[in-house]
C-alpha atoms as a PDB file:
ATOM      1  CA  UNK A   1      52.054  32.450  14.344  1.00  0.00           C
ATOM      2  CA  UNK A   2      50.364  35.041  12.559  1.00  0.00           C
ATOM      3  CA  UNK A   3      50.191  38.815  12.791  1.00  0.00           C
ATOM      4  CA  UNK A   4      47.307  38.342  14.696  1.00  0.00           C
ATOM      5  CA  UNK A   5      46.861  41.449  17.494  1.00  0.00           C
ATOM      6  CA  UNK A   6      47.923  38.650  19.893  1.00  0.00           C
ATOM      7  CA  UNK A   7      49.658  35.246  18.070  1.00  0.00           C
ATOM      8  CA  UNK A   8      48.671  32.260  19.202  1.00  0.00           C
ATOM      9  CA  UNK A   9      49.846  28.639  18.925  1.00  0.00           C
ATOM     10  CA  UNK A  10      48.151  25.797  20.579  1.00  0.00           C
ATOM     11  CA  UNK A  11      50.130  22.247  21.166  1.00  0.00           C
ATOM     12  CA  UNK A  12      49.475  18.671  22.023  1.00  0.00           C
ATOM     13  CA  UNK A  13      48.783  15.338  20.858  1.00  0.00           C
ATOM     14  CA  UNK A  14      46.354  15.154  17.659  1.00  0.00           C
ATOM     15  CA  UNK A  15      45.893  19.169  17.665  1.00  0.00           C
ATOM     16  CA  UNK A  16      46.574  20.589  13.671  1.00  0.00           C
ATOM     17  CA  UNK A  17      44.610  23.864  12.425  1.00  0.00           C
ATOM     18  CA  UNK A  18      40.978  22.192  11.566  1.00  0.00           C
ATOM     19  CA  UNK A  19      40.939  20.352  15.617  1.00  0.00           C
ATOM     20  CA  UNK A  20      42.055  22.961  18.682  1.00  0.00           C
ATOM     21  CA  UNK A  21      40.605  20.192  21.340  1.00  0.00           C
ATOM     22  CA  UNK A  22      41.941  17.212  21.293  1.00  0.00           C
ATOM     23  CA  UNK A  23      41.222  13.891  22.993  1.00  0.00           C
ATOM     24  CA  UNK A  24      43.827  12.239  22.517  1.00  0.00           C
ATOM     25  CA  UNK A  25      45.510  10.295  25.143  1.00  0.00           C
ATOM     26  CA  UNK A  26      49.320   9.316  25.443  1.00  0.00           C
ATOM     27  CA  UNK A  27      49.416   6.007  26.651  1.00  0.00           C
ATOM     28  CA  UNK A  28      51.780   5.059  29.566  1.00  0.00           C
ATOM     29  CA  UNK A  29      53.600   2.050  28.820  1.00  0.00           C
ATOM     30  CA  UNK A  30      56.935   1.688  28.733  1.00  0.00           C
ATOM     31  CA  UNK A  31      55.946  -2.331  27.858  1.00  0.00           C
ATOM     32  CA  UNK A  32      54.117  -4.207  25.924  1.00  0.00           C
ATOM     33  CA  UNK A  33      51.058  -4.468  27.550  1.00  0.00           C
ATOM     34  CA  UNK A  34      48.364  -2.760  26.641  1.00  0.00           C
ATOM     35  CA  UNK A  35      48.303   0.486  28.646  1.00  0.00           C
ATOM     36  CA  UNK A  36      45.617   0.675  32.226  1.00  0.00           C
ATOM     37  CA  UNK A  37      46.283   4.731  31.882  1.00  0.00           C
ATOM     38  CA  UNK A  38      46.490   7.385  29.602  1.00  0.00           C
ATOM     39  CA  UNK A  39      47.640  10.990  29.918  1.00  0.00           C
ATOM     40  CA  UNK A  40      46.570  13.646  27.725  1.00  0.00           C
ATOM     41  CA  UNK A  41      48.309  16.798  27.364  1.00  0.00           C
ATOM     42  CA  UNK A  42      47.175  20.417  25.849  1.00  0.00           C
ATOM     43  CA  UNK A  43      49.186  24.059  25.626  1.00  0.00           C
ATOM     44  CA  UNK A  44      47.434  26.632  24.403  1.00  0.00           C
ATOM     45  CA  UNK A  45      50.277  29.383  24.216  1.00  0.00           C
ATOM     46  CA  UNK A  46      50.787  33.963  22.993  1.00  0.00           C
ATOM     47  CA  UNK A  47      52.625  36.504  23.346  1.00  0.00           C
ATOM     48  CA  UNK A  48      53.109  38.331  26.366  1.00  0.00           C
ATOM     49  CA  UNK A  49      51.866  42.308  26.073  1.00  0.00           C
ATOM     50  CA  UNK A  50      55.260  43.355  24.596  1.00  0.00           C
ATOM     51  CA  UNK A  51      55.249  39.975  21.947  1.00  0.00           C
ATOM     52  CA  UNK A  52      58.917  38.888  22.877  1.00  0.00           C
ATOM     53  CA  UNK A  53      57.755  35.922  25.043  1.00  0.00           C
ATOM     54  CA  UNK A  54      55.509  33.052  24.645  1.00  0.00           C
ATOM     55  CA  UNK A  55      53.668  32.265  27.737  1.00  0.00           C
ATOM     56  CA  UNK A  56      50.450  29.670  28.082  1.00  0.00           C
ATOM     57  CA  UNK A  57      47.340  31.082  28.863  1.00  0.00           C
ATOM     58  CA  UNK A  58      45.995  27.767  29.151  1.00  0.00           C
ATOM     59  CA  UNK A  59      47.113  24.124  29.900  1.00  0.00           C
ATOM     60  CA  UNK A  60      45.595  20.896  30.928  1.00  0.00           C
ATOM     61  CA  UNK A  61      47.000  17.334  32.080  1.00  0.00           C
ATOM     62  CA  UNK A  62      44.576  15.025  32.019  1.00  0.00           C
ATOM     63  CA  UNK A  63      44.929  11.399  33.419  1.00  0.00           C
ATOM     64  CA  UNK A  64      41.757   9.018  32.341  1.00  0.00           C
ATOM     65  CA  UNK A  65      41.844   5.301  31.300  1.00  0.00           C
ATOM     66  CA  UNK A  66      40.675   5.408  27.269  1.00  0.00           C
ATOM     67  CA  UNK A  67      42.826   7.066  24.990  1.00  0.00           C
ATOM     68  CA  UNK A  68      39.956   9.768  23.753  1.00  0.00           C
ATOM     69  CA  UNK A  69      40.057  10.612  27.035  1.00  0.00           C
ATOM     70  CA  UNK A  70      37.253  10.034  28.356  1.00  0.00           C
ATOM     71  CA  UNK A  71      36.877   7.990  31.597  1.00  0.00           C
ATOM     72  CA  UNK A  72      38.824  10.874  33.441  1.00  0.00           C
ATOM     73  CA  UNK A  73      40.310  10.282  37.012  1.00  0.00           C
ATOM     74  CA  UNK A  74      41.404  13.989  37.538  1.00  0.00           C
ATOM     75  CA  UNK A  75      43.365  17.165  35.445  1.00  0.00           C
ATOM     76  CA  UNK A  76      45.338  19.732  36.525  1.00  0.00           C
ATOM     77  CA  UNK A  77      44.555  22.877  34.891  1.00  0.00           C
ATOM     78  CA  UNK A  78      45.592  26.015  34.475  1.00  0.00           C
ATOM     79  CA  UNK A  79      43.687  29.212  32.561  1.00  0.00           C
ATOM     80  CA  UNK A  80      44.990  32.527  32.755  1.00  0.00           C
ATOM     81  CA  UNK A  81      42.968  35.311  33.980  1.00  0.00           C
ATOM     82  CA  UNK A  82      40.153  33.190  35.220  1.00  0.00           C
ATOM     83  CA  UNK A  83      37.490  35.267  37.842  1.00  0.00           C
ATOM     84  CA  UNK A  84      35.712  32.560  39.093  1.00  0.00           C
ATOM     85  CA  UNK A  85      37.956  29.825  40.345  1.00  0.00           C
ATOM     86  CA  UNK A  86      41.211  29.733  40.719  1.00  0.00           C
ATOM     87  CA  UNK A  87      43.512  29.791  37.949  1.00  0.00           C
ATOM     88  CA  UNK A  88      45.804  26.940  39.091  1.00  0.00           C
ATOM     89  CA  UNK A  89      43.569  23.814  40.230  1.00  0.00           C
ATOM     90  CA  UNK A  90      43.470  20.541  40.158  1.00  0.00           C
ATOM     91  CA  UNK A  91      39.374  18.517  39.705  1.00  0.00           C
ATOM     92  CA  UNK A  92      39.724  14.779  40.566  1.00  0.00           C
ATOM     93  CA  UNK A  93      36.699  12.832  38.633  1.00  0.00           C
ATOM     94  CA  UNK A  94      36.222  10.846  41.996  1.00  0.00           C
ATOM     95  CA  UNK A  95      32.869  10.260  44.820  1.00  0.00           C
ATOM     96  CA  UNK A  96      32.379   8.983  48.102  1.00  0.00           C
ATOM     97  CA  UNK A  97      29.853   8.869  50.804  1.00  0.00           C
ATOM     98  CA  UNK A  98      31.282  12.049  52.964  1.00  0.00           C
ATOM     99  CA  UNK A  99      31.497  14.240  49.617  1.00  0.00           C
ATOM    100  CA  UNK A 100      27.777  13.418  49.260  1.00  0.00           C
ATOM    101  CA  UNK A 101      27.201  15.087  52.414  1.00  0.00           C
ATOM    102  CA  UNK A 102      28.658  18.389  51.489  1.00  0.00           C
ATOM    103  CA  UNK A 103      25.382  20.760  49.992  1.00  0.00           C
ATOM    104  CA  UNK A 104      26.113  23.965  48.877  1.00  0.00           C
ATOM    105  CA  UNK A 105      24.615  26.531  50.348  1.00  0.00           C
ATOM    106  CA  UNK A 106      21.704  26.952  47.533  1.00  0.00           C
ATOM    107  CA  UNK A 107      21.188  23.078  48.792  1.00  0.00           C
ATOM    108  CA  UNK A 108      22.819  21.464  45.594  1.00  0.00           C
ATOM    109  CA  UNK A 109      25.245  18.423  45.784  1.00  0.00           C
ATOM    110  CA  UNK A 110      28.865  19.218  44.739  1.00  0.00           C
ATOM    111  CA  UNK A 111      29.887  16.868  43.236  1.00  0.00           C
ATOM    112  CA  UNK A 112      34.254  16.410  43.857  1.00  0.00           C
ATOM    113  CA  UNK A 113      35.351  16.583  40.286  1.00  0.00           C
ATOM    114  CA  UNK A 114      33.701  19.837  39.358  1.00  0.00           C
ATOM    115  CA  UNK A 115      35.322  21.936  42.072  1.00  0.00           C
ATOM    116  CA  UNK A 116      38.877  23.463  41.411  1.00  0.00           C
ATOM    117  CA  UNK A 117      41.107  22.999  44.961  1.00  0.00           C
ATOM    118  CA  UNK A 118      44.158  25.561  43.876  1.00  0.00           C
ATOM    119  CA  UNK A 119      47.618  24.034  43.272  1.00  0.00           C
ATOM    120  CA  UNK A 120      49.434  27.070  44.092  1.00  0.00           C
ATOM    121  CA  UNK A 121      49.819  30.704  41.817  1.00  0.00           C
ATOM    122  CA  UNK A 122      50.241  31.177  38.303  1.00  0.00           C
ATOM    123  CA  UNK A 123      53.931  31.465  38.503  1.00  0.00           C
ATOM    124  CA  UNK A 124      54.514  28.404  40.661  1.00  0.00           C
ATOM    125  CA  UNK A 125      51.893  25.794  39.158  1.00  0.00           C
ATOM    126  CA  UNK A 126      52.307  22.152  39.183  1.00  0.00           C
ATOM    127  CA  UNK A 127      54.669  21.227  35.942  1.00  0.00           C
ATOM    128  CA  UNK A 128      53.789  17.866  34.142  1.00  0.00           C
ATOM    129  CA  UNK A 129      57.046  17.032  35.441  1.00  0.00           C
ATOM    130  CA  UNK A 130      54.875  16.575  38.938  1.00  0.00           C
ATOM    131  CA  UNK A 131      52.121  14.362  37.454  1.00  0.00           C
ATOM    132  CA  UNK A 132      54.809  12.452  36.055  1.00  0.00           C
ATOM    133  CA  UNK A 133      56.425  12.373  39.320  1.00  0.00           C
ATOM    134  CA  UNK A 134      53.177  10.943  40.757  1.00  0.00           C
ATOM    135  CA  UNK A 135      52.560   8.510  38.640  1.00  0.00           C
ATOM    136  CA  UNK A 136      55.498   6.773  39.087  1.00  0.00           C
ATOM    137  CA  UNK A 137      56.451   7.306  42.591  1.00  0.00           C
ATOM    138  CA  UNK A 138      52.531   5.920  43.437  1.00  0.00           C
ATOM    139  CA  UNK A 139      53.622   3.096  40.781  1.00  0.00           C
ATOM    140  CA  UNK A 140      50.745   3.575  38.369  1.00  0.00           C
ATOM    141  CA  UNK A 141      53.118   3.485  35.640  1.00  0.00           C
ATOM    142  CA  UNK A 142      56.383   1.758  35.764  1.00  0.00           C
ATOM    143  CA  UNK A 143      59.344   4.735  34.963  1.00  0.00           C
ATOM    144  CA  UNK A 144      61.893   4.344  32.595  1.00  0.00           C
ATOM    145  CA  UNK A 145      65.568   4.334  34.323  1.00  0.00           C
ATOM    146  CA  UNK A 146      66.559   7.234  35.012  1.00  0.00           C
ATOM    147  CA  UNK A 147      63.794   9.016  34.917  1.00  0.00           C
ATOM    148  CA  UNK A 148      64.178  10.612  37.773  1.00  0.00           C
ATOM    149  CA  UNK A 149      66.663  12.981  36.194  1.00  0.00           C
ATOM    150  CA  UNK A 150      64.835  14.010  33.127  1.00  0.00           C
ATOM    151  CA  UNK A 151      61.919  14.923  35.828  1.00  0.00           C
ATOM    152  CA  UNK A 152      64.467  16.571  37.927  1.00  0.00           C
ATOM    153  CA  UNK A 153      65.590  18.419  34.665  1.00  0.00           C
ATOM    154  CA  UNK A 154      62.227  19.477  33.253  1.00  0.00           C
ATOM    155  CA  UNK A 155      60.778  20.539  36.568  1.00  0.00           C
ATOM    156  CA  UNK A 156      64.062  22.858  37.029  1.00  0.00           C
ATOM    157  CA  UNK A 157      64.030  24.403  33.950  1.00  0.00           C
ATOM    158  CA  UNK A 158      60.385  25.221  34.167  1.00  0.00           C
ATOM    159  CA  UNK A 159      60.906  26.063  37.516  1.00  0.00           C
ATOM    160  CA  UNK A 160      63.786  28.760  36.384  1.00  0.00           C
ATOM    161  CA  UNK A 161      61.251  30.154  33.517  1.00  0.00           C
ATOM    162  CA  UNK A 162      58.075  30.712  35.741  1.00  0.00           C
ATOM    163  CA  UNK A 163      61.256  32.659  38.268  1.00  0.00           C
ATOM    164  CA  UNK A 164      62.021  34.383  35.290  1.00  0.00           C
ATOM    165  CA  UNK A 165      58.668  35.778  34.280  1.00  0.00           C
ATOM    166  CA  UNK A 166      58.334  36.696  37.920  1.00  0.00           C
ATOM    167  CA  UNK A 167      61.469  38.544  38.637  1.00  0.00           C
ATOM    168  CA  UNK A 168      60.434  40.659  34.677  1.00  0.00           C
ATOM    169  CA  UNK A 169      56.886  41.431  36.650  1.00  0.00           C
ATOM    170  CA  UNK A 170      58.525  42.476  39.308  1.00  0.00           C
ATOM    171  CA  UNK A 171      62.328  43.733  39.393  1.00  0.00           C
ATOM    172  CA  UNK A 172      61.846  45.524  42.201  1.00  0.00           C
ATOM    173  CA  UNK A 173      61.696  43.149  44.659  1.00  0.00           C
ATOM    174  CA  UNK A 174      64.086  41.444  43.041  1.00  0.00           C
ATOM    175  CA  UNK A 175      66.815  43.940  42.807  1.00  0.00           C
ATOM    176  CA  UNK A 176      65.217  44.017  46.806  1.00  0.00           C
ATOM    177  CA  UNK A 177      66.772  40.677  48.053  1.00  0.00           C
ATOM    178  CA  UNK A 178      69.271  40.942  46.203  1.00  0.00           C
ATOM    179  CA  UNK A 179      70.437  43.769  47.978  1.00  0.00           C
ATOM    180  CA  UNK A 180      69.447  42.284  50.850  1.00  0.00           C
ATOM    181  CA  UNK A 181      71.466  39.073  51.203  1.00  0.00           C
ATOM    182  CA  UNK A 182      74.318  41.119  49.834  1.00  0.00           C
ATOM    183  CA  UNK A 183      74.922  40.125  46.118  1.00  0.00           C
ATOM    184  CA  UNK A 184      74.985  43.513  44.800  1.00  0.00           C
END
């Protein structure tokens, strides 16, 4: 990170200093078979206002049919401070006759893949582990032996980091809960 007023980093497969927006998917397979699905991930990170902690300012997790992430099926997005739709949301790239009947007030068709379905507040949004669990449990991919423990551990780590961040932002409520429960 640099001495920029808001140091930042971008993390994901295929991302470099020259190309900060990669469209490289990770093949989802554990054998020699050609993958049916690809996972695209990207995280933009910045130092918090105290320049003490690294925070995610945006992230995307894409499930796609192709390695270049074309043929997108769905994606989870998180965009900190987004005002015109929910910060944490999922968009599903699908269609149906039922959705084709849904119209906006101005008469425009609402395409499902353009709708931002909320998936929780900033601190308790879905993690990458949630998407991985979905893929394995729904039998869209085959998980390696022990995948459940890895997902559980990663999810727990993510949740604890989010809880710590929430407590830093609202220590009064955390103290009150601890007092109410007789912990202090």
